[in-house]
């Protein structure tokens, strides 16, 4: 009985050590600040917004295409140089009726911006005029980042400020 108990306890002890050792061999995901440095190319850019016009809700939806160039995050100083560009086809729906609208072009996206990694879930971009954009990082790997940010865009026609959501995905170049 004593030998059986000792054998059982020895087996449990060795199993516990082996399991603990296996857990320590799991690769740790790098932090966002470790992976952000380098070149990134756009793979997705979607825009959505809601506004009111003449008492009716306006839904604005945009889908990006024609992605070119690279945004490069530098380590020291923490700034971005960019040749990244995209075209976004915009669809406006007013009271259930689609209104034709042109495309928007974005060139040199975030060029000359500085950046701070606030956490693994948030970046802050600081523009040349000291304007800031807080970007929520939804997911990331060493080769991809999925982000979302909200920008208040004034409408010159109506004077209202329209909260616009940008969803952007990039991959390492």
C-alpha atoms as a PDB file:
ATOM      1  CA  UNK A   1       0.000   0.000   0.000  1.00  0.00           C
ATOM      2  CA  UNK A   2       2.825   2.354   0.934  1.00  0.00           C
ATOM      3  CA  UNK A   3       4.636   1.648  -2.364  1.00  0.00           C
ATOM      4  CA  UNK A   4       1.410   2.293  -4.326  1.00  0.00           C
ATOM      5  CA  UNK A   5       0.845   5.615  -2.549  1.00  0.00           C
ATOM      6  CA  UNK A   6       4.444   6.720  -3.149  1.00  0.00           C
ATOM      7  CA  UNK A   7       4.224   5.682  -6.828  1.00  0.00           C
ATOM      8  CA  UNK A   8       0.918   7.544  -7.231  1.00  0.00           C
ATOM      9  CA  UNK A   9       2.246  10.694  -5.544  1.00  0.00           C
ATOM     10  CA  UNK A  10       5.437  10.541  -7.636  1.00  0.00           C
ATOM     11  CA  UNK A  11       3.382  10.245 -10.841  1.00  0.00           C
ATOM     12  CA  UNK A  12       1.182  13.197  -9.856  1.00  0.00           C
ATOM     13  CA  UNK A  13       4.233  15.294  -8.936  1.00  0.00           C
ATOM     14  CA  UNK A  14       6.026  14.553 -12.220  1.00  0.00           C
ATOM     15  CA  UNK A  15       2.821  15.234 -14.197  1.00  0.00           C
ATOM     16  CA  UNK A  16       2.343  18.579 -12.435  1.00  0.00           C
ATOM     17  CA  UNK A  17       5.920  19.628 -13.210  1.00  0.00           C
ATOM     18  CA  UNK A  18       5.588  18.507 -16.841  1.00  0.00           C
ATOM     19  CA  UNK A  19       2.318  20.445 -17.281  1.00  0.00           C
ATOM     20  CA  UNK A  20       3.819  23.533 -15.693  1.00  0.00           C
ATOM     21  CA  UNK A  21       6.869  23.259 -17.943  1.00  0.00           C
ATOM     22  CA  UNK A  22       4.601  22.985 -21.036  1.00  0.00           C
ATOM     23  CA  UNK A  23       2.720  26.154 -20.002  1.00  0.00           C
ATOM     24  CA  UNK A  24       5.992  28.076 -19.778  1.00  0.00           C
ATOM     25  CA  UNK A  25       6.936  27.067 -23.327  1.00  0.00           C
ATOM     26  CA  UNK A  26       3.913  28.829 -24.837  1.00  0.00           C
ATOM     27  CA  UNK A  27       5.078  31.759 -26.989  1.00  0.00           C
ATOM     28  CA  UNK A  28       4.038  35.115 -25.563  1.00  0.00           C
ATOM     29  CA  UNK A  29       2.362  37.557 -27.933  1.00  0.00           C
ATOM     30  CA  UNK A  30       4.509  40.619 -28.460  1.00  0.00           C
ATOM     31  CA  UNK A  31       3.148  43.950 -27.331  1.00  0.00           C
ATOM     32  CA  UNK A  32       1.774  46.443 -29.818  1.00  0.00           C
ATOM     33  CA  UNK A  33       4.695  48.794 -29.129  1.00  0.00           C
ATOM     34  CA  UNK A  34       7.073  45.975 -30.126  1.00  0.00           C
ATOM     35  CA  UNK A  35       5.405  45.201 -33.447  1.00  0.00           C
ATOM     36  CA  UNK A  36       4.210  48.635 -34.623  1.00  0.00           C
ATOM     37  CA  UNK A  37       7.636  49.787 -35.838  1.00  0.00           C
ATOM     38  CA  UNK A  38       8.016  49.160 -39.568  1.00  0.00           C
ATOM     39  CA  UNK A  39       6.025  49.443 -42.786  1.00  0.00           C
ATOM     40  CA  UNK A  40       2.299  48.712 -43.000  1.00  0.00           C
ATOM     41  CA  UNK A  41       0.009  48.623 -46.033  1.00  0.00           C
ATOM     42  CA  UNK A  42      -3.757  49.130 -46.042  1.00  0.00           C
ATOM     43  CA  UNK A  43      -5.889  46.061 -46.696  1.00  0.00           C
ATOM     44  CA  UNK A  44      -9.292  47.429 -45.648  1.00  0.00           C
ATOM     45  CA  UNK A  45     -10.854  50.838 -45.013  1.00  0.00           C
ATOM     46  CA  UNK A  46     -14.545  51.178 -44.256  1.00  0.00           C
ATOM     47  CA  UNK A  47     -16.355  54.349 -43.219  1.00  0.00           C
ATOM     48  CA  UNK A  48     -19.773  54.729 -41.611  1.00  0.00           C
ATOM     49  CA  UNK A  49     -21.672  57.682 -40.184  1.00  0.00           C
ATOM     50  CA  UNK A  50     -25.161  58.814 -39.247  1.00  0.00           C
ATOM     51  CA  UNK A  51     -26.422  62.368 -39.496  1.00  0.00           C
ATOM     52  CA  UNK A  52     -29.695  64.287 -39.730  1.00  0.00           C
ATOM     53  CA  UNK A  53     -30.650  66.323 -42.770  1.00  0.00           C
ATOM     54  CA  UNK A  54     -33.979  68.128 -43.023  1.00  0.00           C
ATOM     55  CA  UNK A  55     -35.291  66.055 -40.129  1.00  0.00           C
ATOM     56  CA  UNK A  56     -34.405  62.719 -41.697  1.00  0.00           C
ATOM     57  CA  UNK A  57     -31.661  60.290 -40.792  1.00  0.00           C
ATOM     58  CA  UNK A  58     -28.804  60.041 -43.253  1.00  0.00           C
ATOM     59  CA  UNK A  59     -26.675  56.899 -43.341  1.00  0.00           C
ATOM     60  CA  UNK A  60     -23.260  57.209 -44.919  1.00  0.00           C
ATOM     61  CA  UNK A  61     -21.341  54.058 -45.825  1.00  0.00           C
ATOM     62  CA  UNK A  62     -17.989  53.894 -47.573  1.00  0.00           C
ATOM     63  CA  UNK A  63     -15.866  51.006 -48.781  1.00  0.00           C
ATOM     64  CA  UNK A  64     -12.170  51.412 -49.550  1.00  0.00           C
ATOM     65  CA  UNK A  65     -10.301  50.174 -52.592  1.00  0.00           C
ATOM     66  CA  UNK A  66      -7.213  50.939 -54.690  1.00  0.00           C
ATOM     67  CA  UNK A  67      -4.858  50.626 -51.721  1.00  0.00           C
ATOM     68  CA  UNK A  68      -1.304  51.691 -52.529  1.00  0.00           C
ATOM     69  CA  UNK A  69       1.808  52.695 -50.643  1.00  0.00           C
ATOM     70  CA  UNK A  70       3.026  52.135 -47.111  1.00  0.00           C
ATOM     71  CA  UNK A  71       2.766  53.909 -43.763  1.00  0.00           C
ATOM     72  CA  UNK A  72       6.040  53.497 -41.878  1.00  0.00           C
ATOM     73  CA  UNK A  73       6.082  53.796 -38.091  1.00  0.00           C
ATOM     74  CA  UNK A  74       9.550  54.893 -36.954  1.00  0.00           C
ATOM     75  CA  UNK A  75      10.959  54.071 -33.511  1.00  0.00           C
ATOM     76  CA  UNK A  76      12.960  57.201 -32.726  1.00  0.00           C
ATOM     77  CA  UNK A  77      11.435  59.679 -32.992  1.00  0.00           C
ATOM     78  CA  UNK A  78       8.007  58.044 -32.884  1.00  0.00           C
ATOM     79  CA  UNK A  79       6.631  59.408 -36.137  1.00  0.00           C
ATOM     80  CA  UNK A  80       4.968  58.166 -39.281  1.00  0.00           C
ATOM     81  CA  UNK A  81       6.026  58.704 -42.861  1.00  0.00           C
ATOM     82  CA  UNK A  82       3.444  57.634 -45.384  1.00  0.00           C
ATOM     83  CA  UNK A  83       2.846  57.078 -49.046  1.00  0.00           C
ATOM     84  CA  UNK A  84      -0.350  55.120 -48.242  1.00  0.00           C
ATOM     85  CA  UNK A  85      -3.381  55.997 -50.344  1.00  0.00           C
ATOM     86  CA  UNK A  86      -6.912  54.707 -50.828  1.00  0.00           C
ATOM     87  CA  UNK A  87     -10.118  55.498 -52.644  1.00  0.00           C
ATOM     88  CA  UNK A  88     -13.406  55.185 -50.759  1.00  0.00           C
ATOM     89  CA  UNK A  89     -16.680  54.807 -52.629  1.00  0.00           C
ATOM     90  CA  UNK A  90     -19.408  56.543 -50.629  1.00  0.00           C
ATOM     91  CA  UNK A  91     -23.075  55.573 -50.531  1.00  0.00           C
ATOM     92  CA  UNK A  92     -25.536  57.989 -48.888  1.00  0.00           C
ATOM     93  CA  UNK A  93     -29.007  56.805 -47.910  1.00  0.00           C
ATOM     94  CA  UNK A  94     -31.575  59.477 -46.974  1.00  0.00           C
ATOM     95  CA  UNK A  95     -34.950  58.239 -45.771  1.00  0.00           C
ATOM     96  CA  UNK A  96     -34.442  54.910 -47.545  1.00  0.00           C
ATOM     97  CA  UNK A  97     -33.414  56.538 -50.843  1.00  0.00           C
ATOM     98  CA  UNK A  98     -29.843  56.214 -52.089  1.00  0.00           C
ATOM     99  CA  UNK A  99     -28.307  59.493 -53.229  1.00  0.00           C
ATOM    100  CA  UNK A 100     -25.451  59.369 -55.756  1.00  0.00           C
ATOM    101  CA  UNK A 101     -22.142  60.545 -54.338  1.00  0.00           C
ATOM    102  CA  UNK A 102     -18.593  60.704 -55.591  1.00  0.00           C
ATOM    103  CA  UNK A 103     -15.608  58.853 -54.183  1.00  0.00           C
ATOM    104  CA  UNK A 104     -13.217  60.222 -51.588  1.00  0.00           C
ATOM    105  CA  UNK A 105      -9.468  59.957 -52.018  1.00  0.00           C
ATOM    106  CA  UNK A 106      -7.069  59.642 -49.120  1.00  0.00           C
ATOM    107  CA  UNK A 107      -3.405  60.271 -49.889  1.00  0.00           C
ATOM    108  CA  UNK A 108      -0.354  59.932 -47.650  1.00  0.00           C
ATOM    109  CA  UNK A 109      -2.580  58.731 -44.822  1.00  0.00           C
ATOM    110  CA  UNK A 110      -1.142  60.009 -41.482  1.00  0.00           C
ATOM    111  CA  UNK A 111       2.058  61.309 -43.087  1.00  0.00           C
ATOM    112  CA  UNK A 112       4.028  63.557 -40.688  1.00  0.00           C
ATOM    113  CA  UNK A 113       1.993  62.374 -37.686  1.00  0.00           C
ATOM    114  CA  UNK A 114       3.646  61.367 -34.431  1.00  0.00           C
ATOM    115  CA  UNK A 115       2.316  58.415 -32.449  1.00  0.00           C
ATOM    116  CA  UNK A 116       2.167  56.977 -28.947  1.00  0.00           C
ATOM    117  CA  UNK A 117       1.211  53.423 -28.080  1.00  0.00           C
ATOM    118  CA  UNK A 118      -1.061  53.918 -25.054  1.00  0.00           C
ATOM    119  CA  UNK A 119      -1.724  50.184 -24.550  1.00  0.00           C
ATOM    120  CA  UNK A 120      -2.160  47.020 -26.589  1.00  0.00           C
ATOM    121  CA  UNK A 121      -5.674  48.282 -27.314  1.00  0.00           C
ATOM    122  CA  UNK A 122      -5.036  51.942 -28.135  1.00  0.00           C
ATOM    123  CA  UNK A 123      -2.804  54.216 -30.204  1.00  0.00           C
ATOM    124  CA  UNK A 124      -2.772  57.999 -30.204  1.00  0.00           C
ATOM    125  CA  UNK A 125      -1.805  59.871 -33.346  1.00  0.00           C
ATOM    126  CA  UNK A 126      -0.734  63.513 -33.108  1.00  0.00           C
ATOM    127  CA  UNK A 127      -1.019  65.532 -36.297  1.00  0.00           C
ATOM    128  CA  UNK A 128       1.206  68.345 -37.517  1.00  0.00           C
ATOM    129  CA  UNK A 129      -1.328  70.857 -36.097  1.00  0.00           C
ATOM    130  CA  UNK A 130      -1.309  68.999 -32.729  1.00  0.00           C
ATOM    131  CA  UNK A 131      -4.750  67.483 -33.410  1.00  0.00           C
ATOM    132  CA  UNK A 132      -5.092  64.011 -31.895  1.00  0.00           C
ATOM    133  CA  UNK A 133      -6.804  60.836 -32.998  1.00  0.00           C
ATOM    134  CA  UNK A 134      -7.295  57.965 -30.553  1.00  0.00           C
ATOM    135  CA  UNK A 135      -7.349  54.660 -32.384  1.00  0.00           C
ATOM    136  CA  UNK A 136      -8.802  51.535 -30.797  1.00  0.00           C
ATOM    137  CA  UNK A 137      -6.879  48.398 -31.703  1.00  0.00           C
ATOM    138  CA  UNK A 138      -9.422  45.600 -32.066  1.00  0.00           C
ATOM    139  CA  UNK A 139      -6.907  42.822 -32.790  1.00  0.00           C
ATOM    140  CA  UNK A 140      -3.309  42.403 -33.836  1.00  0.00           C
ATOM    141  CA  UNK A 141      -0.636  39.873 -34.670  1.00  0.00           C
ATOM    142  CA  UNK A 142       2.964  40.455 -35.671  1.00  0.00           C
ATOM    143  CA  UNK A 143       1.756  40.873 -39.268  1.00  0.00           C
ATOM    144  CA  UNK A 144      -1.721  42.433 -39.073  1.00  0.00           C
ATOM    145  CA  UNK A 145      -3.519  45.136 -37.132  1.00  0.00           C
ATOM    146  CA  UNK A 146      -7.284  45.729 -37.069  1.00  0.00           C
ATOM    147  CA  UNK A 147      -8.197  49.253 -35.886  1.00  0.00           C
ATOM    148  CA  UNK A 148     -11.192  51.538 -35.462  1.00  0.00           C
ATOM    149  CA  UNK A 149     -11.439  55.227 -34.704  1.00  0.00           C
ATOM    150  CA  UNK A 150     -14.097  57.898 -34.601  1.00  0.00           C
ATOM    151  CA  UNK A 151     -13.539  61.312 -36.130  1.00  0.00           C
ATOM    152  CA  UNK A 152     -15.852  64.306 -35.748  1.00  0.00           C
ATOM    153  CA  UNK A 153     -16.198  65.735 -39.254  1.00  0.00           C
ATOM    154  CA  UNK A 154     -17.969  69.074 -39.717  1.00  0.00           C
ATOM    155  CA  UNK A 155     -20.446  69.226 -42.603  1.00  0.00           C
ATOM    156  CA  UNK A 156     -19.923  72.520 -44.404  1.00  0.00           C
ATOM    157  CA  UNK A 157     -23.449  72.490 -45.864  1.00  0.00           C
ATOM    158  CA  UNK A 158     -25.458  71.852 -42.688  1.00  0.00           C
ATOM    159  CA  UNK A 159     -22.980  73.030 -40.064  1.00  0.00           C
ATOM    160  CA  UNK A 160     -23.491  69.881 -37.996  1.00  0.00           C
ATOM    161  CA  UNK A 161     -20.644  67.700 -36.780  1.00  0.00           C
ATOM    162  CA  UNK A 162     -20.935  64.127 -37.995  1.00  0.00           C
ATOM    163  CA  UNK A 163     -19.361  61.341 -35.939  1.00  0.00           C
ATOM    164  CA  UNK A 164     -17.678  59.153 -38.523  1.00  0.00           C
ATOM    165  CA  UNK A 165     -16.280  55.699 -37.782  1.00  0.00           C
ATOM    166  CA  UNK A 166     -13.273  54.437 -39.713  1.00  0.00           C
ATOM    167  CA  UNK A 167     -12.401  50.737 -39.665  1.00  0.00           C
ATOM    168  CA  UNK A 168      -8.913  50.104 -40.982  1.00  0.00           C
ATOM    169  CA  UNK A 169      -6.910  46.911 -41.389  1.00  0.00           C
ATOM    170  CA  UNK A 170      -3.220  46.847 -42.256  1.00  0.00           C
ATOM    171  CA  UNK A 171      -0.621  44.180 -42.844  1.00  0.00           C
ATOM    172  CA  UNK A 172       3.136  44.277 -42.497  1.00  0.00           C
ATOM    173  CA  UNK A 173       4.893  45.173 -45.713  1.00  0.00           C
END
